[in-house]
Amino acid sequence: MIRCIESTMWGKNLNHKYILWIYNHAIELGLKGIVFLKNDGSIKIVAEGEENNLLFFVKKLKHGRFLIPFFSPIENFSVLWHEARNEFEDFSISET
């Protein structure tokens, strides 16, 4: 089943390296959506795809910081699940 997640993560010094890491994993899993760094320094992710792939993606988002030493610790992580709206053609990084 195709689903959608909206996720936000907060932490000190989240940066474009983390965004690229998120982007690469989304592409590997065949997800569609967007990731961007918000003005408050948090990272926002909207992703659509097969539910099993999204579950794996969320697990990576929550625990990936332990696997990659240059990542800053995540202080807070949220995820909301929705029905997919099929609003994306691919996965992209936004400068918003």
PDB file of N, CA and C in Angstrom:
ATOM      1  N   MET A   1       0.841  -1.175   0.000  1.00  0.00           N
ATOM      2  CA  MET A   1       0.000   0.000   0.000  1.00  0.00           C
ATOM      3  C   MET A   1       0.893   1.248   0.000  1.00  0.00           C
ATOM      4  N   ILE A   2       0.551   2.218  -0.812  1.00  0.00           N
ATOM      5  CA  ILE A   2       1.281   3.478  -0.887  1.00  0.00           C
ATOM      6  C   ILE A   2       0.799   4.391   0.236  1.00  0.00           C
ATOM      7  N   ARG A   3       1.751   4.901   1.022  1.00  0.00           N
ATOM      8  CA  ARG A   3       1.450   5.793   2.141  1.00  0.00           C
ATOM      9  C   ARG A   3       2.325   7.031   2.051  1.00  0.00           C
ATOM     10  N   CYS A   4       2.121   7.950   2.991  1.00  0.00           N
ATOM     11  CA  CYS A   4       2.891   9.185   3.048  1.00  0.00           C
ATOM     12  C   CYS A   4       3.313   9.439   4.488  1.00  0.00           C
ATOM     13  N   ILE A   5       4.535   9.930   4.663  1.00  0.00           N
ATOM     14  CA  ILE A   5       4.972  10.395   5.980  1.00  0.00           C
ATOM     15  C   ILE A   5       5.364  11.859   5.877  1.00  0.00           C
ATOM     16  N   GLU A   6       5.142  12.568   6.974  1.00  0.00           N
ATOM     17  CA  GLU A   6       5.676  13.914   7.153  1.00  0.00           C
ATOM     18  C   GLU A   6       6.496  13.849   8.431  1.00  0.00           C
ATOM     19  N   SER A   7       7.764  14.162   8.302  1.00  0.00           N
ATOM     20  CA  SER A   7       8.673  14.024   9.428  1.00  0.00           C
ATOM     21  C   SER A   7       9.468  15.311   9.625  1.00  0.00           C
ATOM     22  N   THR A   8       9.743  15.602  10.891  1.00  0.00           N
ATOM     23  CA  THR A   8      10.600  16.725  11.238  1.00  0.00           C
ATOM     24  C   THR A   8      11.609  16.240  12.262  1.00  0.00           C
ATOM     25  N   MET A   9      12.853  16.675  12.098  1.00  0.00           N
ATOM     26  CA  MET A   9      13.881  16.336  13.078  1.00  0.00           C
ATOM     27  C   MET A   9      14.607  17.598  13.492  1.00  0.00           C
ATOM     28  N   TRP A  10      14.922  17.655  14.774  1.00  0.00           N
ATOM     29  CA  TRP A  10      15.624  18.784  15.356  1.00  0.00           C
ATOM     30  C   TRP A  10      16.908  18.292  15.982  1.00  0.00           C
ATOM     31  N   GLY A  11      17.914  19.101  15.914  1.00  0.00           N
ATOM     32  CA  GLY A  11      19.195  18.787  16.541  1.00  0.00           C
ATOM     33  C   GLY A  11      20.160  19.930  16.305  1.00  0.00           C
ATOM     34  N   LYS A  12      21.246  19.926  17.026  1.00  0.00           N
ATOM     35  CA  LYS A  12      22.251  20.966  16.853  1.00  0.00           C
ATOM     36  C   LYS A  12      23.019  20.725  15.565  1.00  0.00           C
ATOM     37  N   ASN A  13      23.182  21.781  14.801  1.00  0.00           N
ATOM     38  CA  ASN A  13      24.019  21.759  13.600  1.00  0.00           C
ATOM     39  C   ASN A  13      23.591  20.739  12.546  1.00  0.00           C
ATOM     40  N   LEU A  14      22.297  20.505  12.395  1.00  0.00           N
ATOM     41  CA  LEU A  14      21.856  19.684  11.271  1.00  0.00           C
ATOM     42  C   LEU A  14      22.226  20.449  10.005  1.00  0.00           C
ATOM     43  N   ASN A  15      22.739  19.741   9.009  1.00  0.00           N
ATOM     44  CA  ASN A  15      23.269  20.453   7.854  1.00  0.00           C
ATOM     45  C   ASN A  15      22.971  19.705   6.554  1.00  0.00           C
ATOM     46  N   HIS A  16      23.584  20.195   5.486  1.00  0.00           N
ATOM     47  CA  HIS A  16      23.329  19.639   4.163  1.00  0.00           C
ATOM     48  C   HIS A  16      23.880  18.216   4.000  1.00  0.00           C
ATOM     49  N   LYS A  17      24.894  17.827   4.783  1.00  0.00           N
ATOM     50  CA  LYS A  17      25.383  16.443   4.725  1.00  0.00           C
ATOM     51  C   LYS A  17      24.269  15.484   5.157  1.00  0.00           C
ATOM     52  N   TYR A  18      23.558  15.862   6.187  1.00  0.00           N
ATOM     53  CA  TYR A  18      22.448  15.024   6.653  1.00  0.00           C
ATOM     54  C   TYR A  18      21.346  14.984   5.604  1.00  0.00           C
ATOM     55  N   ILE A  19      21.061  16.125   4.981  1.00  0.00           N
ATOM     56  CA  ILE A  19      20.035  16.173   3.944  1.00  0.00           C
ATOM     57  C   ILE A  19      20.423  15.283   2.771  1.00  0.00           C
ATOM     58  N   LEU A  20      21.688  15.299   2.376  1.00  0.00           N
ATOM     59  CA  LEU A  20      22.137  14.423   1.287  1.00  0.00           C
ATOM     60  C   LEU A  20      22.018  12.955   1.667  1.00  0.00           C
ATOM     61  N   TRP A  21      22.324  12.635   2.916  1.00  0.00           N
ATOM     62  CA  TRP A  21      22.190  11.264   3.401  1.00  0.00           C
ATOM     63  C   TRP A  21      20.726  10.815   3.335  1.00  0.00           C
ATOM     64  N   ILE A  22      19.820  11.683   3.760  1.00  0.00           N
ATOM     65  CA  ILE A  22      18.382  11.395   3.695  1.00  0.00           C
ATOM     66  C   ILE A  22      17.953  11.197   2.241  1.00  0.00           C
ATOM     67  N   TYR A  23      18.368  12.109   1.377  1.00  0.00           N
ATOM     68  CA  TYR A  23      18.032  12.040  -0.049  1.00  0.00           C
ATOM     69  C   TYR A  23      18.493  10.710  -0.658  1.00  0.00           C
ATOM     70  N   ASN A  24      19.734  10.330  -0.408  1.00  0.00           N
ATOM     71  CA  ASN A  24      20.265   9.085  -0.977  1.00  0.00           C
ATOM     72  C   ASN A  24      19.481   7.863  -0.523  1.00  0.00           C
ATOM     73  N   HIS A  25      19.107   7.819   0.745  1.00  0.00           N
ATOM     74  CA  HIS A  25      18.320   6.684   1.234  1.00  0.00           C
ATOM     75  C   HIS A  25      16.916   6.675   0.642  1.00  0.00           C
ATOM     76  N   ALA A  26      16.325   7.832   0.472  1.00  0.00           N
ATOM     77  CA  ALA A  26      14.994   7.910  -0.140  1.00  0.00           C
ATOM     78  C   ALA A  26      15.042   7.392  -1.580  1.00  0.00           C
ATOM     79  N   ILE A  27      16.062   7.786  -2.323  1.00  0.00           N
ATOM     80  CA  ILE A  27      16.213   7.334  -3.709  1.00  0.00           C
ATOM     81  C   ILE A  27      16.408   5.815  -3.750  1.00  0.00           C
ATOM     82  N   GLU A  28      17.257   5.284  -2.875  1.00  0.00           N
ATOM     83  CA  GLU A  28      17.508   3.838  -2.827  1.00  0.00           C
ATOM     84  C   GLU A  28      16.218   3.057  -2.572  1.00  0.00           C
ATOM     85  N   LEU A  29      15.313   3.631  -1.806  1.00  0.00           N
ATOM     86  CA  LEU A  29      14.065   2.950  -1.449  1.00  0.00           C
ATOM     87  C   LEU A  29      12.927   3.248  -2.428  1.00  0.00           C
ATOM     88  N   GLY A  30      13.206   4.024  -3.456  1.00  0.00           N
ATOM     89  CA  GLY A  30      12.187   4.330  -4.455  1.00  0.00           C
ATOM     90  C   GLY A  30      11.099   5.257  -3.961  1.00  0.00           C
ATOM     91  N   LEU A  31      11.426   6.110  -3.011  1.00  0.00           N
ATOM     92  CA  LEU A  31      10.441   7.030  -2.453  1.00  0.00           C
ATOM     93  C   LEU A  31      10.349   8.294  -3.298  1.00  0.00           C
ATOM     94  N   LYS A  32       9.214   8.941  -3.218  1.00  0.00           N
ATOM     95  CA  LYS A  32       8.995  10.235  -3.858  1.00  0.00           C
ATOM     96  C   LYS A  32       8.700  11.240  -2.756  1.00  0.00           C
ATOM     97  N   GLY A  33       9.155  12.474  -2.946  1.00  0.00           N
ATOM     98  CA  GLY A  33       8.891  13.481  -1.926  1.00  0.00           C
ATOM     99  C   GLY A  33       9.900  14.593  -1.956  1.00  0.00           C
ATOM    100  N   ILE A  34      10.136  15.168  -0.773  1.00  0.00           N
ATOM    101  CA  ILE A  34      11.002  16.340  -0.666  1.00  0.00           C
ATOM    102  C   ILE A  34      11.634  16.385   0.722  1.00  0.00           C
ATOM    103  N   VAL A  35      12.826  16.955   0.785  1.00  0.00           N
ATOM    104  CA  VAL A  35      13.503  17.200   2.060  1.00  0.00           C
ATOM    105  C   VAL A  35      14.085  18.603   1.996  1.00  0.00           C
ATOM    106  N   PHE A  36      14.024  19.310   3.129  1.00  0.00           N
ATOM    107  CA  PHE A  36      14.612  20.650   3.158  1.00  0.00           C
ATOM    108  C   PHE A  36      14.938  21.063   4.582  1.00  0.00           C
ATOM    109  N   LEU A  37      15.878  22.006   4.670  1.00  0.00           N
ATOM    110  CA  LEU A  37      16.279  22.598   5.934  1.00  0.00           C
ATOM    111  C   LEU A  37      15.401  23.818   6.182  1.00  0.00           C
ATOM    112  N   LYS A  38      14.693  23.812   7.301  1.00  0.00           N
ATOM    113  CA  LYS A  38      13.805  24.926   7.634  1.00  0.00           C
ATOM    114  C   LYS A  38      14.602  26.072   8.260  1.00  0.00           C
ATOM    115  N   ASN A  39      13.995  27.244   8.304  1.00  0.00           N
ATOM    116  CA  ASN A  39      14.647  28.433   8.865  1.00  0.00           C
ATOM    117  C   ASN A  39      15.064  28.253  10.317  1.00  0.00           C
ATOM    118  N   ASP A  40      14.357  27.414  11.062  1.00  0.00           N
ATOM    119  CA  ASP A  40      14.693  27.206  12.468  1.00  0.00           C
ATOM    120  C   ASP A  40      15.806  26.168  12.670  1.00  0.00           C
ATOM    121  N   GLY A  41      16.362  25.642  11.560  1.00  0.00           N
ATOM    122  CA  GLY A  41      17.450  24.674  11.640  1.00  0.00           C
ATOM    123  C   GLY A  41      17.000  23.225  11.657  1.00  0.00           C
ATOM    124  N   SER A  42      15.705  22.982  11.699  1.00  0.00           N
ATOM    125  CA  SER A  42      15.203  21.606  11.661  1.00  0.00           C
ATOM    126  C   SER A  42      15.129  21.138  10.210  1.00  0.00           C
ATOM    127  N   ILE A  43      14.981  19.842  10.039  1.00  0.00           N
ATOM    128  CA  ILE A  43      14.849  19.247   8.713  1.00  0.00           C
ATOM    129  C   ILE A  43      13.438  18.708   8.570  1.00  0.00           C
ATOM    130  N   LYS A  44      12.793  19.040   7.457  1.00  0.00           N
ATOM    131  CA  LYS A  44      11.434  18.580   7.149  1.00  0.00           C
ATOM    132  C   LYS A  44      11.522  17.592   5.983  1.00  0.00           C
ATOM    133  N   ILE A  45      10.805  16.487   6.112  1.00  0.00           N
ATOM    134  CA  ILE A  45      10.767  15.459   5.080  1.00  0.00           C
ATOM    135  C   ILE A  45       9.317  15.091   4.812  1.00  0.00           C
ATOM    136  N   VAL A  46       8.944  15.062   3.559  1.00  0.00           N
ATOM    137  CA  VAL A  46       7.665  14.512   3.135  1.00  0.00           C
ATOM    138  C   VAL A  46       8.012  13.428   2.131  1.00  0.00           C
ATOM    139  N   ALA A  47       7.560  12.208   2.384  1.00  0.00           N
ATOM    140  CA  ALA A  47       7.909  11.094   1.508  1.00  0.00           C
ATOM    141  C   ALA A  47       6.697  10.192   1.278  1.00  0.00           C
ATOM    142  N   GLU A  48       6.566   9.739   0.034  1.00  0.00           N
ATOM    143  CA  GLU A  48       5.512   8.797  -0.338  1.00  0.00           C
ATOM    144  C   GLU A  48       6.149   7.546  -0.925  1.00  0.00           C
ATOM    145  N   GLY A  49       5.541   6.416  -0.636  1.00  0.00           N
ATOM    146  CA  GLY A  49       6.042   5.160  -1.183  1.00  0.00           C
ATOM    147  C   GLY A  49       5.361   3.976  -0.531  1.00  0.00           C
ATOM    148  N   GLU A  50       5.862   2.795  -0.865  1.00  0.00           N
ATOM    149  CA  GLU A  50       5.345   1.570  -0.259  1.00  0.00           C
ATOM    150  C   GLU A  50       5.532   1.632   1.256  1.00  0.00           C
ATOM    151  N   GLU A  51       4.525   1.194   1.974  1.00  0.00           N
ATOM    152  CA  GLU A  51       4.550   1.289   3.435  1.00  0.00           C
ATOM    153  C   GLU A  51       5.786   0.628   4.042  1.00  0.00           C
ATOM    154  N   ASN A  52       6.166  -0.559   3.550  1.00  0.00           N
ATOM    155  CA  ASN A  52       7.348  -1.247   4.095  1.00  0.00           C
ATOM    156  C   ASN A  52       8.616  -0.433   3.878  1.00  0.00           C
ATOM    157  N   ASN A  53       8.738   0.214   2.719  1.00  0.00           N
ATOM    158  CA  ASN A  53       9.901   1.060   2.451  1.00  0.00           C
ATOM    159  C   ASN A  53       9.907   2.287   3.356  1.00  0.00           C
ATOM    160  N   LEU A  54       8.733   2.851   3.595  1.00  0.00           N
ATOM    161  CA  LEU A  54       8.642   4.002   4.499  1.00  0.00           C
ATOM    162  C   LEU A  54       8.991   3.609   5.937  1.00  0.00           C
ATOM    163  N   LEU A  55       8.557   2.435   6.370  1.00  0.00           N
ATOM    164  CA  LEU A  55       8.909   1.961   7.716  1.00  0.00           C
ATOM    165  C   LEU A  55      10.419   1.835   7.867  1.00  0.00           C
ATOM    166  N   PHE A  56      11.079   1.265   6.857  1.00  0.00           N
ATOM    167  CA  PHE A  56      12.533   1.131   6.870  1.00  0.00           C
ATOM    168  C   PHE A  56      13.194   2.511   6.855  1.00  0.00           C
ATOM    169  N   PHE A  57      12.671   3.430   6.047  1.00  0.00           N
ATOM    170  CA  PHE A  57      13.184   4.794   5.942  1.00  0.00           C
ATOM    171  C   PHE A  57      13.096   5.509   7.290  1.00  0.00           C
ATOM    172  N   VAL A  58      11.958   5.410   7.952  1.00  0.00           N
ATOM    173  CA  VAL A  58      11.773   6.050   9.267  1.00  0.00           C
ATOM    174  C   VAL A  58      12.773   5.479  10.267  1.00  0.00           C
ATOM    175  N   LYS A  59      12.969   4.175  10.232  1.00  0.00           N
ATOM    176  CA  LYS A  59      13.935   3.544  11.136  1.00  0.00           C
ATOM    177  C   LYS A  59      15.341   4.099  10.881  1.00  0.00           C
ATOM    178  N   LYS A  60      15.710   4.252   9.608  1.00  0.00           N
ATOM    179  CA  LYS A  60      17.020   4.827   9.268  1.00  0.00           C
ATOM    180  C   LYS A  60      17.121   6.272   9.750  1.00  0.00           C
ATOM    181  N   LEU A  61      16.055   7.045   9.554  1.00  0.00           N
ATOM    182  CA  LEU A  61      16.072   8.444   9.995  1.00  0.00           C
ATOM    183  C   LEU A  61      16.291   8.541  11.499  1.00  0.00           C
ATOM    184  N   LYS A  62      15.615   7.687  12.250  1.00  0.00           N
ATOM    185  CA  LYS A  62      15.726   7.728  13.710  1.00  0.00           C
ATOM    186  C   LYS A  62      17.098   7.291  14.199  1.00  0.00           C
ATOM    187  N   HIS A  63      17.697   6.294  13.519  1.00  0.00           N
ATOM    188  CA  HIS A  63      18.907   5.668  14.042  1.00  0.00           C
ATOM    189  C   HIS A  63      20.152   5.912  13.202  1.00  0.00           C
ATOM    190  N   GLY A  64      20.027   6.559  12.069  1.00  0.00           N
ATOM    191  CA  GLY A  64      21.162   6.783  11.193  1.00  0.00           C
ATOM    192  C   GLY A  64      22.262   7.606  11.811  1.00  0.00           C
ATOM    193  N   ARG A  65      21.906   8.483  12.713  1.00  0.00           N
ATOM    194  CA  ARG A  65      22.904   9.347  13.349  1.00  0.00           C
ATOM    195  C   ARG A  65      23.940   8.538  14.118  1.00  0.00           C
ATOM    196  N   PHE A  66      23.594   7.309  14.519  1.00  0.00           N
ATOM    197  CA  PHE A  66      24.542   6.468  15.244  1.00  0.00           C
ATOM    198  C   PHE A  66      25.515   5.785  14.294  1.00  0.00           C
ATOM    199  N   LEU A  67      25.145   5.719  13.015  1.00  0.00           N
ATOM    200  CA  LEU A  67      25.958   5.011  12.036  1.00  0.00           C
ATOM    201  C   LEU A  67      26.967   5.917  11.350  1.00  0.00           C
ATOM    202  N   ILE A  68      26.691   7.200  11.298  1.00  0.00           N
ATOM    203  CA  ILE A  68      27.536   8.144  10.578  1.00  0.00           C
ATOM    204  C   ILE A  68      28.130   9.124  11.588  1.00  0.00           C
ATOM    205  N   PRO A  69      29.450   9.072  11.820  1.00  0.00           N
ATOM    206  CA  PRO A  69      30.041   9.840  12.922  1.00  0.00           C
ATOM    207  C   PRO A  69      29.957  11.354  12.796  1.00  0.00           C
ATOM    208  N   PHE A  70      29.876  11.910  11.579  1.00  0.00           N
ATOM    209  CA  PHE A  70      29.873  13.367  11.471  1.00  0.00           C
ATOM    210  C   PHE A  70      28.489  13.969  11.684  1.00  0.00           C
ATOM    211  N   PHE A  71      27.466  13.143  11.913  1.00  0.00           N
ATOM    212  CA  PHE A  71      26.129  13.677  12.139  1.00  0.00           C
ATOM    213  C   PHE A  71      25.974  14.173  13.564  1.00  0.00           C
ATOM    214  N   SER A  72      25.249  15.247  13.695  1.00  0.00           N
ATOM    215  CA  SER A  72      24.918  15.772  15.014  1.00  0.00           C
ATOM    216  C   SER A  72      23.799  14.932  15.627  1.00  0.00           C
ATOM    217  N   PRO A  73      23.749  14.866  16.936  1.00  0.00           N
ATOM    218  CA  PRO A  73      22.670  14.112  17.575  1.00  0.00           C
ATOM    219  C   PRO A  73      21.301  14.724  17.276  1.00  0.00           C
ATOM    220  N   ILE A  74      20.334  13.862  17.075  1.00  0.00           N
ATOM    221  CA  ILE A  74      18.954  14.290  16.894  1.00  0.00           C
ATOM    222  C   ILE A  74      18.358  14.458  18.283  1.00  0.00           C
ATOM    223  N   GLU A  75      17.824  15.637  18.560  1.00  0.00           N
ATOM    224  CA  GLU A  75      17.238  15.898  19.868  1.00  0.00           C
ATOM    225  C   GLU A  75      15.757  15.562  19.894  1.00  0.00           C
ATOM    226  N   ASN A  76      15.102  15.653  18.734  1.00  0.00           N
ATOM    227  CA  ASN A  76      13.674  15.360  18.661  1.00  0.00           C
ATOM    228  C   ASN A  76      13.352  14.898  17.248  1.00  0.00           C
ATOM    229  N   PHE A  77      12.447  13.954  17.152  1.00  0.00           N
ATOM    230  CA  PHE A  77      12.069  13.391  15.864  1.00  0.00           C
ATOM    231  C   PHE A  77      10.570  13.124  15.893  1.00  0.00           C
ATOM    232  N   SER A  78       9.873  13.589  14.858  1.00  0.00           N
ATOM    233  CA  SER A  78       8.438  13.319  14.797  1.00  0.00           C
ATOM    234  C   SER A  78       8.096  12.770  13.417  1.00  0.00           C
ATOM    235  N   VAL A  79       7.076  11.947  13.374  1.00  0.00           N
ATOM    236  CA  VAL A  79       6.600  11.419  12.094  1.00  0.00           C
ATOM    237  C   VAL A  79       5.084  11.272  12.160  1.00  0.00           C
ATOM    238  N   LEU A  80       4.429  11.754  11.116  1.00  0.00           N
ATOM    239  CA  LEU A  80       2.982  11.612  10.967  1.00  0.00           C
ATOM    240  C   LEU A  80       2.731  10.789   9.709  1.00  0.00           C
ATOM    241  N   TRP A  81       1.800   9.858   9.785  1.00  0.00           N
ATOM    242  CA  TRP A  81       1.446   9.014   8.644  1.00  0.00           C
ATOM    243  C   TRP A  81       0.132   9.488   8.034  1.00  0.00           C
ATOM    244  N   HIS A  82       0.080   9.492   6.698  1.00  0.00           N
ATOM    245  CA  HIS A  82      -1.110   9.901   5.960  1.00  0.00           C
ATOM    246  C   HIS A  82      -1.303   8.979   4.765  1.00  0.00           C
ATOM    247  N   GLU A  83      -2.474   9.081   4.185  1.00  0.00           N
ATOM    248  CA  GLU A  83      -2.689   8.436   2.895  1.00  0.00           C
ATOM    249  C   GLU A  83      -1.907   9.225   1.847  1.00  0.00           C
ATOM    250  N   ALA A  84      -1.346   8.540   0.885  1.00  0.00           N
ATOM    251  CA  ALA A  84      -0.574   9.213  -0.164  1.00  0.00           C
ATOM    252  C   ALA A  84      -1.488  10.084  -1.016  1.00  0.00           C
ATOM    253  N   ARG A  85      -0.962  11.224  -1.421  1.00  0.00           N
ATOM    254  CA  ARG A  85      -1.694  12.134  -2.297  1.00  0.00           C
ATOM    255  C   ARG A  85      -1.137  12.129  -3.717  1.00  0.00           C
ATOM    256  N   ASN A  86      -0.087  11.349  -3.927  1.00  0.00           N
ATOM    257  CA  ASN A  86       0.565  11.251  -5.238  1.00  0.00           C
ATOM    258  C   ASN A  86       0.909  12.625  -5.800  1.00  0.00           C
ATOM    259  N   GLU A  87       1.496  13.465  -4.969  1.00  0.00           N
ATOM    260  CA  GLU A  87       1.802  14.826  -5.396  1.00  0.00           C
ATOM    261  C   GLU A  87       3.244  15.012  -5.861  1.00  0.00           C
ATOM    262  N   PHE A  88       4.063  13.952  -5.805  1.00  0.00           N
ATOM    263  CA  PHE A  88       5.471  14.067  -6.181  1.00  0.00           C
ATOM    264  C   PHE A  88       5.796  13.140  -7.350  1.00  0.00           C
ATOM    265  N   GLU A  89       6.698  13.606  -8.218  1.00  0.00           N
ATOM    266  CA  GLU A  89       7.150  12.794  -9.342  1.00  0.00           C
ATOM    267  C   GLU A  89       8.456  12.063  -9.007  1.00  0.00           C
ATOM    268  N   ASP A  90       9.221  12.624  -8.074  1.00  0.00           N
ATOM    269  CA  ASP A  90      10.500  12.038  -7.669  1.00  0.00           C
ATOM    270  C   ASP A  90      10.822  12.531  -6.259  1.00  0.00           C
ATOM    271  N   PHE A  91      12.021  12.252  -5.786  1.00  0.00           N
ATOM    272  CA  PHE A  91      12.452  12.762  -4.481  1.00  0.00           C
ATOM    273  C   PHE A  91      13.455  13.867  -4.738  1.00  0.00           C
ATOM    274  N   SER A  92      13.291  14.999  -4.056  1.00  0.00           N
ATOM    275  CA  SER A  92      14.158  16.139  -4.333  1.00  0.00           C
ATOM    276  C   SER A  92      14.556  16.854  -3.047  1.00  0.00           C
ATOM    277  N   ILE A  93      15.591  17.671  -3.170  1.00  0.00           N
ATOM    278  CA  ILE A  93      16.044  18.548  -2.107  1.00  0.00           C
ATOM    279  C   ILE A  93      15.593  19.955  -2.472  1.00  0.00           C
ATOM    280  N   SER A  94      14.941  20.610  -1.542  1.00  0.00           N
ATOM    281  CA  SER A  94      14.475  21.976  -1.788  1.00  0.00           C
ATOM    282  C   SER A  94      15.345  22.953  -1.008  1.00  0.00           C
ATOM    283  N   GLU A  95      15.494  24.108  -1.525  1.00  0.00           N
ATOM    284  CA  GLU A  95      16.251  25.169  -0.848  1.00  0.00           C
ATOM    285  C   GLU A  95      15.355  26.007   0.045  1.00  0.00           C
ATOM    286  N   THR A  96      14.092  25.593   0.226  1.00  0.00           N
ATOM    287  CA  THR A  96      13.127  26.339   1.039  1.00  0.00           C
ATOM    288  C   THR A  96      13.522  26.341   2.484  1.00  0.00           C
TER     289      THR A  96
END
